[in-house]
PDB file of all heavy atoms in Angstrom:
ATOM      1  N   PRO A   1       6.370 -47.039 -84.741  1.00  0.00           N
ATOM      2  CA  PRO A   1       6.429 -47.705 -83.453  1.00  0.00           C
ATOM      3  C   PRO A   1       6.671 -46.761 -82.321  1.00  0.00           C
ATOM      4  O   PRO A   1       7.154 -45.615 -82.507  1.00  0.00           O
ATOM      5  CB  PRO A   1       7.636 -48.652 -83.629  1.00  0.00           C
ATOM      6  CG  PRO A   1       8.446 -48.084 -84.730  1.00  0.00           C
ATOM      7  CD  PRO A   1       7.521 -47.333 -85.626  1.00  0.00           C
ATOM      8  N   PRO A   2       6.379 -47.161 -81.093  1.00  0.00           N
ATOM      9  CA  PRO A   2       6.616 -46.301 -79.937  1.00  0.00           C
ATOM     10  C   PRO A   2       8.113 -45.922 -79.853  1.00  0.00           C
ATOM     11  O   PRO A   2       9.009 -46.698 -80.241  1.00  0.00           O
ATOM     12  CB  PRO A   2       6.248 -47.190 -78.735  1.00  0.00           C
ATOM     13  CG  PRO A   2       5.379 -48.225 -79.290  1.00  0.00           C
ATOM     14  CD  PRO A   2       5.770 -48.445 -80.733  1.00  0.00           C
ATOM     15  N   GLY A   3       8.365 -44.684 -79.422  1.00  0.00           N
ATOM     16  CA  GLY A   3       9.735 -44.239 -79.273  1.00  0.00           C
ATOM     17  C   GLY A   3      10.309 -43.557 -80.528  1.00  0.00           C
ATOM     18  O   GLY A   3      11.400 -43.047 -80.432  1.00  0.00           O
ATOM     19  N   VAL A   4       9.608 -43.640 -81.641  1.00  0.00           N
ATOM     20  CA  VAL A   4      10.042 -43.019 -82.894  1.00  0.00           C
ATOM     21  C   VAL A   4       9.171 -41.783 -83.141  1.00  0.00           C
ATOM     22  O   VAL A   4       7.960 -41.824 -82.937  1.00  0.00           O
ATOM     23  CB  VAL A   4       9.933 -44.028 -84.048  1.00  0.00           C
ATOM     24  CG1 VAL A   4      10.256 -43.377 -85.364  1.00  0.00           C
ATOM     25  CG2 VAL A   4      10.842 -45.208 -83.799  1.00  0.00           C
ATOM     26  N   PRO A   5       9.765 -40.668 -83.549  1.00  0.00           N
ATOM     27  CA  PRO A   5       8.959 -39.462 -83.802  1.00  0.00           C
ATOM     28  C   PRO A   5       7.820 -39.732 -84.845  1.00  0.00           C
ATOM     29  O   PRO A   5       8.001 -40.500 -85.775  1.00  0.00           O
ATOM     30  CB  PRO A   5       9.920 -38.474 -84.337  1.00  0.00           C
ATOM     31  CG  PRO A   5      11.249 -38.957 -83.913  1.00  0.00           C
ATOM     32  CD  PRO A   5      11.141 -40.447 -83.850  1.00  0.00           C
ATOM     33  N   VAL A   6       6.749 -39.000 -84.634  1.00  0.00           N
ATOM     34  CA  VAL A   6       5.592 -39.093 -85.548  1.00  0.00           C
ATOM     35  C   VAL A   6       5.489 -37.768 -86.314  1.00  0.00           C
ATOM     36  O   VAL A   6       6.092 -36.770 -85.972  1.00  0.00           O
ATOM     37  CB  VAL A   6       4.303 -39.363 -84.754  1.00  0.00           C
ATOM     38  CG1 VAL A   6       4.382 -40.737 -84.094  1.00  0.00           C
ATOM     39  CG2 VAL A   6       4.041 -38.293 -83.798  1.00  0.00           C
ATOM     40  N   PRO A   7       4.736 -37.771 -87.442  1.00  0.00           N
ATOM     41  CA  PRO A   7       4.572 -36.534 -88.202  1.00  0.00           C
ATOM     42  C   PRO A   7       4.189 -35.322 -87.302  1.00  0.00           C
ATOM     43  O   PRO A   7       3.339 -35.449 -86.442  1.00  0.00           O
ATOM     44  CB  PRO A   7       3.455 -36.872 -89.201  1.00  0.00           C
ATOM     45  CG  PRO A   7       3.619 -38.333 -89.419  1.00  0.00           C
ATOM     46  CD  PRO A   7       4.005 -38.920 -88.108  1.00  0.00           C
ATOM     47  N   GLY A   8       4.920 -34.262 -87.560  1.00  0.00           N
ATOM     48  CA  GLY A   8       4.732 -33.032 -86.760  1.00  0.00           C
ATOM     49  C   GLY A   8       5.766 -32.882 -85.682  1.00  0.00           C
ATOM     50  O   GLY A   8       6.087 -31.755 -85.244  1.00  0.00           O
ATOM     51  N   ASP A   9       6.378 -33.971 -85.198  1.00  0.00           N
ATOM     52  CA  ASP A   9       7.454 -33.866 -84.196  1.00  0.00           C
ATOM     53  C   ASP A   9       8.703 -33.256 -84.782  1.00  0.00           C
ATOM     54  O   ASP A   9       8.941 -33.402 -86.005  1.00  0.00           O
ATOM     55  CB  ASP A   9       7.855 -35.281 -83.689  1.00  0.00           C
ATOM     56  CG  ASP A   9       6.803 -35.899 -82.720  1.00  0.00           C
ATOM     57  OD1 ASP A   9       5.844 -35.156 -82.341  1.00  0.00           O
ATOM     58  OD2 ASP A   9       6.957 -37.079 -82.385  1.00  0.00           O
ATOM     59  N   VAL A  10       9.504 -32.604 -83.985  1.00  0.00           N
ATOM     60  CA  VAL A  10      10.765 -32.043 -84.445  1.00  0.00           C
ATOM     61  C   VAL A  10      11.903 -32.864 -83.770  1.00  0.00           C
ATOM     62  O   VAL A  10      11.943 -32.901 -82.520  1.00  0.00           O
ATOM     63  CB  VAL A  10      10.913 -30.536 -84.106  1.00  0.00           C
ATOM     64  CG1 VAL A  10      12.282 -30.021 -84.509  1.00  0.00           C
ATOM     65  CG2 VAL A  10       9.818 -29.742 -84.805  1.00  0.00           C
ATOM     66  N   LEU A  11      12.756 -33.440 -84.577  1.00  0.00           N
ATOM     67  CA  LEU A  11      13.845 -34.295 -84.157  1.00  0.00           C
ATOM     68  C   LEU A  11      15.113 -33.425 -84.058  1.00  0.00           C
ATOM     69  O   LEU A  11      15.443 -32.704 -85.008  1.00  0.00           O
ATOM     70  CB  LEU A  11      14.001 -35.445 -85.156  1.00  0.00           C
ATOM     71  CG  LEU A  11      15.222 -36.330 -85.044  1.00  0.00           C
ATOM     72  CD1 LEU A  11      15.131 -37.154 -83.794  1.00  0.00           C
ATOM     73  CD2 LEU A  11      15.266 -37.260 -86.256  1.00  0.00           C
ATOM     74  N   ALA A  12      15.803 -33.552 -82.970  1.00  0.00           N
ATOM     75  CA  ALA A  12      17.120 -32.871 -82.737  1.00  0.00           C
ATOM     76  C   ALA A  12      16.986 -31.359 -82.974  1.00  0.00           C
ATOM     77  O   ALA A  12      18.000 -30.720 -83.339  1.00  0.00           O
ATOM     78  CB  ALA A  12      18.175 -33.476 -83.633  1.00  0.00           C
ATOM     79  N   GLY A  13      15.840 -30.814 -82.783  1.00  0.00           N
ATOM     80  CA  GLY A  13      15.663 -29.353 -82.910  1.00  0.00           C
ATOM     81  C   GLY A  13      15.752 -28.801 -84.322  1.00  0.00           C
ATOM     82  O   GLY A  13      15.692 -27.627 -84.525  1.00  0.00           O
ATOM     83  N   LYS A  14      15.840 -29.745 -85.328  1.00  0.00           N
ATOM     84  CA  LYS A  14      16.010 -29.249 -86.707  1.00  0.00           C
ATOM     85  C   LYS A  14      15.343 -30.004 -87.802  1.00  0.00           C
ATOM     86  O   LYS A  14      15.264 -29.537 -88.940  1.00  0.00           O
ATOM     87  CB  LYS A  14      17.496 -29.065 -87.024  1.00  0.00           C
ATOM     88  CG  LYS A  14      18.323 -30.296 -86.869  1.00  0.00           C
ATOM     89  CD  LYS A  14      19.817 -29.987 -87.037  1.00  0.00           C
ATOM     90  CE  LYS A  14      20.648 -31.143 -86.564  1.00  0.00           C
ATOM     91  NZ  LYS A  14      22.059 -30.843 -86.663  1.00  0.00           N
ATOM     92  N   TYR A  15      14.824 -31.215 -87.496  1.00  0.00           N
ATOM     93  CA  TYR A  15      14.210 -32.033 -88.542  1.00  0.00           C
ATOM     94  C   TYR A  15      12.714 -32.223 -88.199  1.00  0.00           C
ATOM     95  O   TYR A  15      12.399 -32.942 -87.242  1.00  0.00           O
ATOM     96  CB  TYR A  15      14.845 -33.421 -88.638  1.00  0.00           C
ATOM     97  CG  TYR A  15      16.321 -33.367 -88.873  1.00  0.00           C
ATOM     98  CD1 TYR A  15      17.217 -33.774 -87.829  1.00  0.00           C
ATOM     99  CD2 TYR A  15      16.904 -32.972 -90.058  1.00  0.00           C
ATOM    100  CE1 TYR A  15      18.586 -33.701 -88.038  1.00  0.00           C
ATOM    101  CE2 TYR A  15      18.272 -32.914 -90.273  1.00  0.00           C
ATOM    102  CZ  TYR A  15      19.089 -33.303 -89.236  1.00  0.00           C
ATOM    103  OH  TYR A  15      20.434 -33.277 -89.421  1.00  0.00           O
ATOM    104  N   ARG A  16      11.835 -31.601 -88.957  1.00  0.00           N
ATOM    105  CA  ARG A  16      10.332 -31.756 -88.692  1.00  0.00           C
ATOM    106  C   ARG A  16       9.908 -32.992 -89.468  1.00  0.00           C
ATOM    107  O   ARG A  16       9.992 -33.070 -90.707  1.00  0.00           O
ATOM    108  CB  ARG A  16       9.585 -30.564 -89.155  1.00  0.00           C
ATOM    109  CG  ARG A  16       8.067 -30.722 -88.851  1.00  0.00           C
ATOM    110  CD  ARG A  16       7.222 -29.502 -89.160  1.00  0.00           C
ATOM    111  NE  ARG A  16       7.596 -28.426 -88.220  1.00  0.00           N
ATOM    112  CZ  ARG A  16       8.173 -27.297 -88.571  1.00  0.00           C
ATOM    113  NH1 ARG A  16       8.496 -27.063 -89.823  1.00  0.00           N
ATOM    114  NH2 ARG A  16       8.464 -26.371 -87.693  1.00  0.00           N
ATOM    115  N   ILE A  17       9.371 -33.955 -88.772  1.00  0.00           N
ATOM    116  CA  ILE A  17       8.956 -35.265 -89.387  1.00  0.00           C
ATOM    117  C   ILE A  17       7.656 -34.970 -90.190  1.00  0.00           C
ATOM    118  O   ILE A  17       6.738 -34.325 -89.699  1.00  0.00           O
ATOM    119  CB  ILE A  17       8.660 -36.321 -88.317  1.00  0.00           C
ATOM    120  CG1 ILE A  17       9.953 -36.547 -87.445  1.00  0.00           C
ATOM    121  CG2 ILE A  17       8.187 -37.590 -88.929  1.00  0.00           C
ATOM    122  CD1 ILE A  17      11.164 -36.984 -88.238  1.00  0.00           C
ATOM    123  N   GLU A  18       7.644 -35.511 -91.446  1.00  0.00           N
ATOM    124  CA  GLU A  18       6.505 -35.253 -92.313  1.00  0.00           C
ATOM    125  C   GLU A  18       5.624 -36.507 -92.517  1.00  0.00           C
ATOM    126  O   GLU A  18       4.425 -36.460 -92.391  1.00  0.00           O
ATOM    127  CB  GLU A  18       6.978 -34.810 -93.715  1.00  0.00           C
ATOM    128  CG  GLU A  18       7.694 -33.507 -93.691  1.00  0.00           C
ATOM    129  CD  GLU A  18       8.131 -33.048 -95.050  1.00  0.00           C
ATOM    130  OE1 GLU A  18       8.508 -33.895 -95.900  1.00  0.00           O
ATOM    131  OE2 GLU A  18       8.089 -31.825 -95.298  1.00  0.00           O
ATOM    132  N   ARG A  19       6.286 -37.638 -92.838  1.00  0.00           N
ATOM    133  CA  ARG A  19       5.486 -38.835 -93.115  1.00  0.00           C
ATOM    134  C   ARG A  19       6.433 -40.081 -93.183  1.00  0.00           C
ATOM    135  O   ARG A  19       7.628 -39.919 -93.283  1.00  0.00           O
ATOM    136  CB  ARG A  19       4.716 -38.744 -94.429  1.00  0.00           C
ATOM    137  CG  ARG A  19       5.599 -38.735 -95.657  1.00  0.00           C
ATOM    138  CD  ARG A  19       4.757 -38.473 -96.944  1.00  0.00           C
ATOM    139  NE  ARG A  19       5.528 -38.686 -98.113  1.00  0.00           N
ATOM    140  CZ  ARG A  19       6.473 -37.879 -98.616  1.00  0.00           C
ATOM    141  NH1 ARG A  19       6.766 -36.789 -97.929  1.00  0.00           N
ATOM    142  NH2 ARG A  19       7.091 -38.142 -99.746  1.00  0.00           N
ATOM    143  N   VAL A  20       5.820 -41.263 -93.173  1.00  0.00           N
ATOM    144  CA  VAL A  20       6.572 -42.498 -93.309  1.00  0.00           C
ATOM    145  C   VAL A  20       6.799 -42.732 -94.766  1.00  0.00           C
ATOM    146  O   VAL A  20       5.863 -42.656 -95.574  1.00  0.00           O
ATOM    147  CB  VAL A  20       5.739 -43.663 -92.707  1.00  0.00           C
ATOM    148  CG1 VAL A  20       6.509 -44.968 -92.924  1.00  0.00           C
ATOM    149  CG2 VAL A  20       5.558 -43.463 -91.218  1.00  0.00           C
ATOM    150  N   LEU A  21       8.027 -42.980 -95.184  1.00  0.00           N
ATOM    151  CA  LEU A  21       8.330 -43.324 -96.561  1.00  0.00           C
ATOM    152  C   LEU A  21       8.275 -44.850 -96.807  1.00  0.00           C
ATOM    153  O   LEU A  21       7.914 -45.285 -97.853  1.00  0.00           O
ATOM    154  CB  LEU A  21       9.753 -42.808 -96.896  1.00  0.00           C
ATOM    155  CG  LEU A  21       9.933 -41.283 -96.997  1.00  0.00           C
ATOM    156  CD1 LEU A  21      11.382 -40.953 -97.237  1.00  0.00           C
ATOM    157  CD2 LEU A  21       9.075 -40.758 -98.160  1.00  0.00           C
ATOM    158  N   GLY A  22       8.764 -45.629 -95.796  1.00  0.00           N
ATOM    159  CA  GLY A  22       8.745 -47.058 -95.944  1.00  0.00           C
ATOM    160  C   GLY A  22       9.268 -47.755 -94.692  1.00  0.00           C
ATOM    161  O   GLY A  22       9.882 -47.108 -93.826  1.00  0.00           O
ATOM    162  N   ALA A  23       9.026 -49.036 -94.667  1.00  0.00           N
ATOM    163  CA  ALA A  23       9.498 -49.830 -93.563  1.00  0.00           C
ATOM    164  C   ALA A  23       9.957 -51.198 -94.105  1.00  0.00           C
ATOM    165  O   ALA A  23       9.442 -51.691 -95.079  1.00  0.00           O
ATOM    166  CB  ALA A  23       8.393 -50.037 -92.525  1.00  0.00           C
ATOM    167  N   GLY A  24      10.933 -51.767 -93.411  1.00  0.00           N
ATOM    168  CA  GLY A  24      11.433 -53.091 -93.775  1.00  0.00           C
ATOM    169  C   GLY A  24      11.489 -53.940 -92.539  1.00  0.00           C
ATOM    170  O   GLY A  24      10.961 -53.616 -91.473  1.00  0.00           O
ATOM    171  N   GLY A  25      12.233 -55.041 -92.622  1.00  0.00           N
ATOM    172  CA  GLY A  25      12.347 -55.955 -91.530  1.00  0.00           C
ATOM    173  C   GLY A  25      13.112 -55.368 -90.328  1.00  0.00           C
ATOM    174  O   GLY A  25      12.921 -55.752 -89.195  1.00  0.00           O
ATOM    175  N   MET A  26      14.023 -54.440 -90.575  1.00  0.00           N
ATOM    176  CA  MET A  26      14.880 -53.896 -89.545  1.00  0.00           C
ATOM    177  C   MET A  26      14.651 -52.422 -89.260  1.00  0.00           C
ATOM    178  O   MET A  26      15.033 -51.903 -88.203  1.00  0.00           O
ATOM    179  CB  MET A  26      16.349 -54.102 -89.899  1.00  0.00           C
ATOM    180  CG  MET A  26      16.776 -55.527 -90.078  1.00  0.00           C
ATOM    181  SD  MET A  26      17.015 -56.378 -88.560  1.00  0.00           S
ATOM    182  CE  MET A  26      18.528 -55.660 -87.958  1.00  0.00           C
ATOM    183  N   GLY A  27      14.106 -51.681 -90.203  1.00  0.00           N
ATOM    184  CA  GLY A  27      14.074 -50.247 -90.052  1.00  0.00           C
ATOM    185  C   GLY A  27      12.851 -49.564 -90.620  1.00  0.00           C
ATOM    186  O   GLY A  27      12.016 -50.190 -91.288  1.00  0.00           O
ATOM    187  N   LEU A  28      12.775 -48.323 -90.331  1.00  0.00           N
ATOM    188  CA  LEU A  28      11.674 -47.442 -90.778  1.00  0.00           C
ATOM    189  C   LEU A  28      12.317 -46.167 -91.311  1.00  0.00           C
ATOM    190  O   LEU A  28      13.251 -45.607 -90.709  1.00  0.00           O
ATOM    191  CB  LEU A  28      10.827 -47.127 -89.566  1.00  0.00           C
ATOM    192  CG  LEU A  28       9.613 -46.152 -89.764  1.00  0.00           C
ATOM    193  CD1 LEU A  28       8.524 -46.884 -90.531  1.00  0.00           C
ATOM    194  CD2 LEU A  28       9.099 -45.729 -88.400  1.00  0.00           C
ATOM    195  N   VAL A  29      11.842 -45.660 -92.422  1.00  0.00           N
ATOM    196  CA  VAL A  29      12.396 -44.435 -93.041  1.00  0.00           C
ATOM    197  C   VAL A  29      11.296 -43.376 -93.084  1.00  0.00           C
ATOM    198  O   VAL A  29      10.187 -43.685 -93.585  1.00  0.00           O
ATOM    199  CB  VAL A  29      12.963 -44.683 -94.427  1.00  0.00           C
ATOM    200  CG1 VAL A  29      13.526 -43.394 -95.022  1.00  0.00           C
ATOM    201  CG2 VAL A  29      14.084 -45.755 -94.400  1.00  0.00           C
ATOM    202  N   LEU A  30      11.606 -42.173 -92.600  1.00  0.00           N
ATOM    203  CA  LEU A  30      10.636 -41.098 -92.552  1.00  0.00           C
ATOM    204  C   LEU A  30      11.127 -39.959 -93.387  1.00  0.00           C
ATOM    205  O   LEU A  30      12.328 -39.739 -93.451  1.00  0.00           O
ATOM    206  CB  LEU A  30      10.487 -40.610 -91.093  1.00  0.00           C
ATOM    207  CG  LEU A  30      10.174 -41.632 -90.008  1.00  0.00           C
ATOM    208  CD1 LEU A  30      10.276 -41.024 -88.666  1.00  0.00           C
ATOM    209  CD2 LEU A  30       8.777 -42.191 -90.235  1.00  0.00           C
ATOM    210  N   ALA A  31      10.222 -39.248 -94.012  1.00  0.00           N
ATOM    211  CA  ALA A  31      10.527 -37.991 -94.681  1.00  0.00           C
ATOM    212  C   ALA A  31      10.496 -36.924 -93.679  1.00  0.00           C
ATOM    213  O   ALA A  31       9.616 -36.885 -92.782  1.00  0.00           O
ATOM    214  CB  ALA A  31       9.527 -37.716 -95.815  1.00  0.00           C
ATOM    215  N   ALA A  32      11.426 -36.000 -93.725  1.00  0.00           N
ATOM    216  CA  ALA A  32      11.475 -34.850 -92.750  1.00  0.00           C
ATOM    217  C   ALA A  32      11.917 -33.611 -93.475  1.00  0.00           C
ATOM    218  O   ALA A  32      12.490 -33.694 -94.585  1.00  0.00           O
ATOM    219  CB  ALA A  32      12.396 -35.199 -91.571  1.00  0.00           C
ATOM    220  N   TRP A  33      11.656 -32.462 -92.870  1.00  0.00           N
ATOM    221  CA  TRP A  33      12.077 -31.171 -93.409  1.00  0.00           C
ATOM    222  C   TRP A  33      13.130 -30.610 -92.532  1.00  0.00           C
ATOM    223  O   TRP A  33      12.907 -30.485 -91.308  1.00  0.00           O
ATOM    224  CB  TRP A  33      10.865 -30.225 -93.470  1.00  0.00           C
ATOM    225  CG  TRP A  33      11.166 -28.912 -94.126  1.00  0.00           C
ATOM    226  CD1 TRP A  33      11.321 -27.757 -93.471  1.00  0.00           C
ATOM    227  CD2 TRP A  33      11.339 -28.687 -95.496  1.00  0.00           C
ATOM    228  NE1 TRP A  33      11.596 -26.778 -94.409  1.00  0.00           N
ATOM    229  CE2 TRP A  33      11.623 -27.310 -95.651  1.00  0.00           C
ATOM    230  CE3 TRP A  33      11.318 -29.484 -96.648  1.00  0.00           C
ATOM    231  CZ2 TRP A  33      11.868 -26.693 -96.880  1.00  0.00           C
ATOM    232  CZ3 TRP A  33      11.559 -28.888 -97.866  1.00  0.00           C
ATOM    233  CH2 TRP A  33      11.805 -27.533 -97.976  1.00  0.00           C
ATOM    234  N   HIS A  34      14.336 -30.282 -93.082  1.00  0.00           N
ATOM    235  CA  HIS A  34      15.380 -29.635 -92.315  1.00  0.00           C
ATOM    236  C   HIS A  34      14.962 -28.196 -92.123  1.00  0.00           C
ATOM    237  O   HIS A  34      14.943 -27.442 -93.129  1.00  0.00           O
ATOM    238  CB  HIS A  34      16.705 -29.788 -93.025  1.00  0.00           C
ATOM    239  CG  HIS A  34      17.879 -29.421 -92.191  1.00  0.00           C
ATOM    240  ND1 HIS A  34      18.058 -28.201 -91.586  1.00  0.00           N
ATOM    241  CD2 HIS A  34      18.973 -30.175 -91.818  1.00  0.00           C
ATOM    242  CE1 HIS A  34      19.180 -28.167 -90.897  1.00  0.00           C
ATOM    243  NE2 HIS A  34      19.751 -29.355 -91.019  1.00  0.00           N
ATOM    244  N   ILE A  35      14.639 -27.797 -90.936  1.00  0.00           N
ATOM    245  CA  ILE A  35      14.058 -26.470 -90.681  1.00  0.00           C
ATOM    246  C   ILE A  35      15.033 -25.337 -91.017  1.00  0.00           C
ATOM    247  O   ILE A  35      14.691 -24.349 -91.600  1.00  0.00           O
ATOM    248  CB  ILE A  35      13.607 -26.347 -89.243  1.00  0.00           C
ATOM    249  CG1 ILE A  35      12.456 -27.379 -88.966  1.00  0.00           C
ATOM    250  CG2 ILE A  35      13.178 -24.944 -88.864  1.00  0.00           C
ATOM    251  CD1 ILE A  35      12.165 -27.604 -87.484  1.00  0.00           C
ATOM    252  N   VAL A  36      16.296 -25.534 -90.695  1.00  0.00           N
ATOM    253  CA  VAL A  36      17.312 -24.504 -90.907  1.00  0.00           C
ATOM    254  C   VAL A  36      17.727 -24.401 -92.368  1.00  0.00           C
ATOM    255  O   VAL A  36      17.767 -23.307 -92.940  1.00  0.00           O
ATOM    256  CB  VAL A  36      18.550 -24.760 -90.019  1.00  0.00           C
ATOM    257  CG1 VAL A  36      19.643 -23.712 -90.290  1.00  0.00           C
ATOM    258  CG2 VAL A  36      18.180 -24.791 -88.545  1.00  0.00           C
ATOM    259  N   LEU A  37      18.010 -25.498 -92.988  1.00  0.00           N
ATOM    260  CA  LEU A  37      18.458 -25.500 -94.394  1.00  0.00           C
ATOM    261  C   LEU A  37      17.329 -25.508 -95.398  1.00  0.00           C
ATOM    262  O   LEU A  37      17.572 -25.349 -96.599  1.00  0.00           O
ATOM    263  CB  LEU A  37      19.407 -26.737 -94.613  1.00  0.00           C
ATOM    264  CG  LEU A  37      20.651 -26.807 -93.789  1.00  0.00           C
ATOM    265  CD1 LEU A  37      21.426 -28.055 -94.129  1.00  0.00           C
ATOM    266  CD2 LEU A  37      21.487 -25.535 -93.977  1.00  0.00           C
ATOM    267  N   GLU A  38      16.126 -25.660 -94.945  1.00  0.00           N
ATOM    268  CA  GLU A  38      14.918 -25.635 -95.754  1.00  0.00           C
ATOM    269  C   GLU A  38      15.050 -26.642 -96.920  1.00  0.00           C
ATOM    270  O   GLU A  38      14.954 -26.302 -98.128  1.00  0.00           O
ATOM    271  CB  GLU A  38      14.596 -24.280 -96.303  1.00  0.00           C
ATOM    272  CG  GLU A  38      14.303 -23.271 -95.169  1.00  0.00           C
ATOM    273  CD  GLU A  38      13.921 -21.910 -95.643  1.00  0.00           C
ATOM    274  OE1 GLU A  38      14.179 -21.542 -96.821  1.00  0.00           O
ATOM    275  OE2 GLU A  38      13.403 -21.116 -94.804  1.00  0.00           O
ATOM    276  N   ARG A  39      15.260 -27.900 -96.591  1.00  0.00           N
ATOM    277  CA  ARG A  39      15.318 -28.962 -97.583  1.00  0.00           C
ATOM    278  C   ARG A  39      14.794 -30.275 -96.985  1.00  0.00           C
ATOM    279  O   ARG A  39      14.884 -30.482 -95.770  1.00  0.00           O
ATOM    280  CB  ARG A  39      16.735 -29.151 -98.120  1.00  0.00           C
ATOM    281  CG  ARG A  39      17.737 -29.629 -97.085  1.00  0.00           C
ATOM    282  CD  ARG A  39      19.120 -29.743 -97.604  1.00  0.00           C
ATOM    283  NE  ARG A  39      19.268 -30.939 -98.402  1.00  0.00           N
ATOM    284  CZ  ARG A  39      20.432 -31.392 -98.827  1.00  0.00           C
ATOM    285  NH1 ARG A  39      21.536 -30.730 -98.630  1.00  0.00           N
ATOM    286  NH2 ARG A  39      20.482 -32.497 -99.521  1.00  0.00           N
ATOM    287  N   ARG A  40      14.327 -31.094 -97.850  1.00  0.00           N
ATOM    288  CA  ARG A  40      13.757 -32.405 -97.410  1.00  0.00           C
ATOM    289  C   ARG A  40      14.911 -33.383 -97.165  1.00  0.00           C
ATOM    290  O   ARG A  40      15.898 -33.394 -97.910  1.00  0.00           O
ATOM    291  CB  ARG A  40      12.805 -32.966 -98.447  1.00  0.00           C
ATOM    292  CG  ARG A  40      12.077 -34.197 -97.996  1.00  0.00           C
ATOM    293  CD  ARG A  40      10.777 -34.443 -98.694  1.00  0.00           C
ATOM    294  NE  ARG A  40       9.806 -33.490 -98.200  1.00  0.00           N
ATOM    295  CZ  ARG A  40       9.280 -32.485 -98.865  1.00  0.00           C
ATOM    296  NH1 ARG A  40       9.549 -32.274-100.104  1.00  0.00           N
ATOM    297  NH2 ARG A  40       8.376 -31.672 -98.296  1.00  0.00           N
ATOM    298  N   VAL A  41      14.794 -34.203 -96.137  1.00  0.00           N
ATOM    299  CA  VAL A  41      15.777 -35.252 -95.842  1.00  0.00           C
ATOM    300  C   VAL A  41      14.988 -36.540 -95.524  1.00  0.00           C
ATOM    301  O   VAL A  41      13.750 -36.467 -95.340  1.00  0.00           O
ATOM    302  CB  VAL A  41      16.646 -34.879 -94.621  1.00  0.00           C
ATOM    303  CG1 VAL A  41      17.519 -33.689 -94.924  1.00  0.00           C
ATOM    304  CG2 VAL A  41      15.814 -34.652 -93.373  1.00  0.00           C
ATOM    305  N   ALA A  42      15.692 -37.634 -95.500  1.00  0.00           N
ATOM    306  CA  ALA A  42      15.134 -38.923 -95.086  1.00  0.00           C
ATOM    307  C   ALA A  42      15.788 -39.289 -93.757  1.00  0.00           C
ATOM    308  O   ALA A  42      17.016 -39.092 -93.553  1.00  0.00           O
ATOM    309  CB  ALA A  42      15.401 -40.002 -96.110  1.00  0.00           C
ATOM    310  N   VAL A  43      15.011 -39.794 -92.791  1.00  0.00           N
ATOM    311  CA  VAL A  43      15.505 -40.193 -91.514  1.00  0.00           C
ATOM    312  C   VAL A  43      15.230 -41.658 -91.298  1.00  0.00           C
ATOM    313  O   VAL A  43      14.074 -42.070 -91.342  1.00  0.00           O
ATOM    314  CB  VAL A  43      14.873 -39.335 -90.363  1.00  0.00           C
ATOM    315  CG1 VAL A  43      15.505 -39.718 -89.050  1.00  0.00           C
ATOM    316  CG2 VAL A  43      15.024 -37.850 -90.642  1.00  0.00           C
ATOM    317  N   LYS A  44      16.267 -42.442 -91.071  1.00  0.00           N
ATOM    318  CA  LYS A  44      16.153 -43.850 -90.895  1.00  0.00           C
ATOM    319  C   LYS A  44      16.269 -44.190 -89.398  1.00  0.00           C
ATOM    320  O   LYS A  44      17.186 -43.736 -88.732  1.00  0.00           O
ATOM    321  CB  LYS A  44      17.229 -44.589 -91.679  1.00  0.00           C
ATOM    322  CG  LYS A  44      17.154 -46.104 -91.607  1.00  0.00           C
ATOM    323  CD  LYS A  44      18.200 -46.740 -92.487  1.00  0.00           C
ATOM    324  CE  LYS A  44      18.139 -48.241 -92.409  1.00  0.00           C
ATOM    325  NZ  LYS A  44      19.145 -48.860 -93.281  1.00  0.00           N
ATOM    326  N   PHE A  45      15.372 -45.058 -88.918  1.00  0.00           N
ATOM    327  CA  PHE A  45      15.404 -45.513 -87.559  1.00  0.00           C
ATOM    328  C   PHE A  45      15.429 -47.078 -87.565  1.00  0.00           C
ATOM    329  O   PHE A  45      14.829 -47.717 -88.432  1.00  0.00           O
ATOM    330  CB  PHE A  45      14.148 -45.154 -86.778  1.00  0.00           C
ATOM    331  CG  PHE A  45      14.101 -43.718 -86.320  1.00  0.00           C
ATOM    332  CD1 PHE A  45      13.573 -42.754 -87.132  1.00  0.00           C
ATOM    333  CD2 PHE A  45      14.628 -43.380 -85.073  1.00  0.00           C
ATOM    334  CE1 PHE A  45      13.547 -41.412 -86.723  1.00  0.00           C
ATOM    335  CE2 PHE A  45      14.586 -42.065 -84.676  1.00  0.00           C
ATOM    336  CZ  PHE A  45      14.041 -41.068 -85.486  1.00  0.00           C
TER     337      PHE A  45
END
């Protein structure tokens, strides 16, 4: 949805958005890469 980062965007200067993992009635979960720690994380909006 508008206002939510899309793949390739960097969130908070440290999380590179990779793809959508899933969506429900209230939220959306994205896979992201923590640039500094070099590990995958999930970001919920």
